[in-house]
Amino acid sequence: MNQQIKNSIERLKQTISEIERLDRSYWNISLGTSHLSAYAEQLVNDAKTAAAHLKTYGKK
């Protein structure tokens, strides 16, 4: 596996770990979900980056 793929997967894992470590207050329904938008966007970006590297690697 090339380094770009390793790095992008590691970044995705880090984002997931950050979400897992969130205090229960972040998940409190009374707070709504707008505070989680940044995490959602980061997950999407990390996954897209990993996917792009995998697709590029697969074409070589």
C-alpha atoms as a PDB file:
ATOM      1  CA  MET A   1       0.000   0.000   0.000  1.00  0.00           C
ATOM      2  CA  ASN A   2       1.460   3.366  -0.911  1.00  0.00           C
ATOM      3  CA  GLN A   3       2.050   6.157   1.587  1.00  0.00           C
ATOM      4  CA  GLN A   4      -0.795   8.397   0.353  1.00  0.00           C
ATOM      5  CA  ILE A   5      -3.314   5.621   0.944  1.00  0.00           C
ATOM      6  CA  LYS A   6      -1.860   4.903   4.383  1.00  0.00           C
ATOM      7  CA  ASN A   7      -1.996   8.595   5.315  1.00  0.00           C
ATOM      8  CA  SER A   8      -5.572   9.087   4.110  1.00  0.00           C
ATOM      9  CA  ILE A   9      -6.798   5.987   5.941  1.00  0.00           C
ATOM     10  CA  GLU A  10      -4.985   7.098   9.104  1.00  0.00           C
ATOM     11  CA  ARG A  11      -6.676  10.513   8.868  1.00  0.00           C
ATOM     12  CA  LEU A  12     -10.076   8.813   8.532  1.00  0.00           C
ATOM     13  CA  LYS A  13      -9.327   6.685  11.588  1.00  0.00           C
ATOM     14  CA  GLN A  14      -8.326   9.796  13.560  1.00  0.00           C
ATOM     15  CA  THR A  15     -11.587  11.547  12.723  1.00  0.00           C
ATOM     16  CA  ILE A  16     -13.593   8.492  13.768  1.00  0.00           C
ATOM     17  CA  SER A  17     -11.619   8.322  17.031  1.00  0.00           C
ATOM     18  CA  GLU A  18     -12.365  11.991  17.729  1.00  0.00           C
ATOM     19  CA  ILE A  19     -16.085  11.328  17.294  1.00  0.00           C
ATOM     20  CA  GLU A  20     -15.900   8.270  19.549  1.00  0.00           C
ATOM     21  CA  ARG A  21     -14.243  10.355  22.276  1.00  0.00           C
ATOM     22  CA  LEU A  22     -16.917  13.049  22.288  1.00  0.00           C
ATOM     23  CA  ASP A  23     -18.495  13.725  25.643  1.00  0.00           C
ATOM     24  CA  ARG A  24     -22.102  12.551  26.051  1.00  0.00           C
ATOM     25  CA  SER A  25     -23.226  16.195  25.881  1.00  0.00           C
ATOM     26  CA  TYR A  26     -22.373  16.239  22.175  1.00  0.00           C
ATOM     27  CA  TRP A  27     -24.894  13.500  21.623  1.00  0.00           C
ATOM     28  CA  ASN A  28     -27.621  15.103  23.748  1.00  0.00           C
ATOM     29  CA  ILE A  29     -30.730  15.394  21.583  1.00  0.00           C
ATOM     30  CA  SER A  30     -31.640  18.706  23.195  1.00  0.00           C
ATOM     31  CA  LEU A  31     -28.534  20.264  21.631  1.00  0.00           C
ATOM     32  CA  GLY A  32     -29.659  19.426  18.131  1.00  0.00           C
ATOM     33  CA  THR A  33     -27.194  18.189  15.559  1.00  0.00           C
ATOM     34  CA  SER A  34     -25.708  21.368  14.098  1.00  0.00           C
ATOM     35  CA  HIS A  35     -22.634  21.017  16.304  1.00  0.00           C
ATOM     36  CA  LEU A  36     -21.887  17.679  14.622  1.00  0.00           C
ATOM     37  CA  SER A  37     -21.864  19.126  11.099  1.00  0.00           C
ATOM     38  CA  ALA A  38     -18.129  19.790  11.144  1.00  0.00           C
ATOM     39  CA  TYR A  39     -17.445  16.185  12.104  1.00  0.00           C
ATOM     40  CA  ALA A  40     -19.766  14.933   9.379  1.00  0.00           C
ATOM     41  CA  GLU A  41     -18.027  17.074   6.753  1.00  0.00           C
ATOM     42  CA  GLN A  42     -14.611  15.908   7.934  1.00  0.00           C
ATOM     43  CA  LEU A  43     -15.683  12.260   7.663  1.00  0.00           C
ATOM     44  CA  VAL A  44     -16.938  12.817   4.113  1.00  0.00           C
ATOM     45  CA  ASN A  45     -13.757  14.615   3.102  1.00  0.00           C
ATOM     46  CA  ASP A  46     -11.529  11.958   4.670  1.00  0.00           C
ATOM     47  CA  ALA A  47     -13.469   9.157   2.968  1.00  0.00           C
ATOM     48  CA  LYS A  48     -13.353  10.913  -0.414  1.00  0.00           C
ATOM     49  CA  THR A  49      -9.609  11.436  -0.097  1.00  0.00           C
ATOM     50  CA  ALA A  50      -9.038   7.783   0.777  1.00  0.00           C
ATOM     51  CA  ALA A  51     -11.270   6.698  -2.116  1.00  0.00           C
ATOM     52  CA  ALA A  52      -9.460   8.940  -4.591  1.00  0.00           C
ATOM     53  CA  HIS A  53      -6.078   7.540  -3.583  1.00  0.00           C
ATOM     54  CA  LEU A  54      -7.355   3.977  -3.814  1.00  0.00           C
ATOM     55  CA  LYS A  55      -8.836   4.565  -7.270  1.00  0.00           C
ATOM     56  CA  THR A  56      -5.622   6.165  -8.500  1.00  0.00           C
ATOM     57  CA  TYR A  57      -3.537   3.335  -7.069  1.00  0.00           C
ATOM     58  CA  GLY A  58      -5.795   0.765  -8.706  1.00  0.00           C
ATOM     59  CA  LYS A  59      -5.234   2.299 -12.159  1.00  0.00           C
ATOM     60  CA  LYS A  60      -1.465   1.891 -12.017  1.00  0.00           C
END
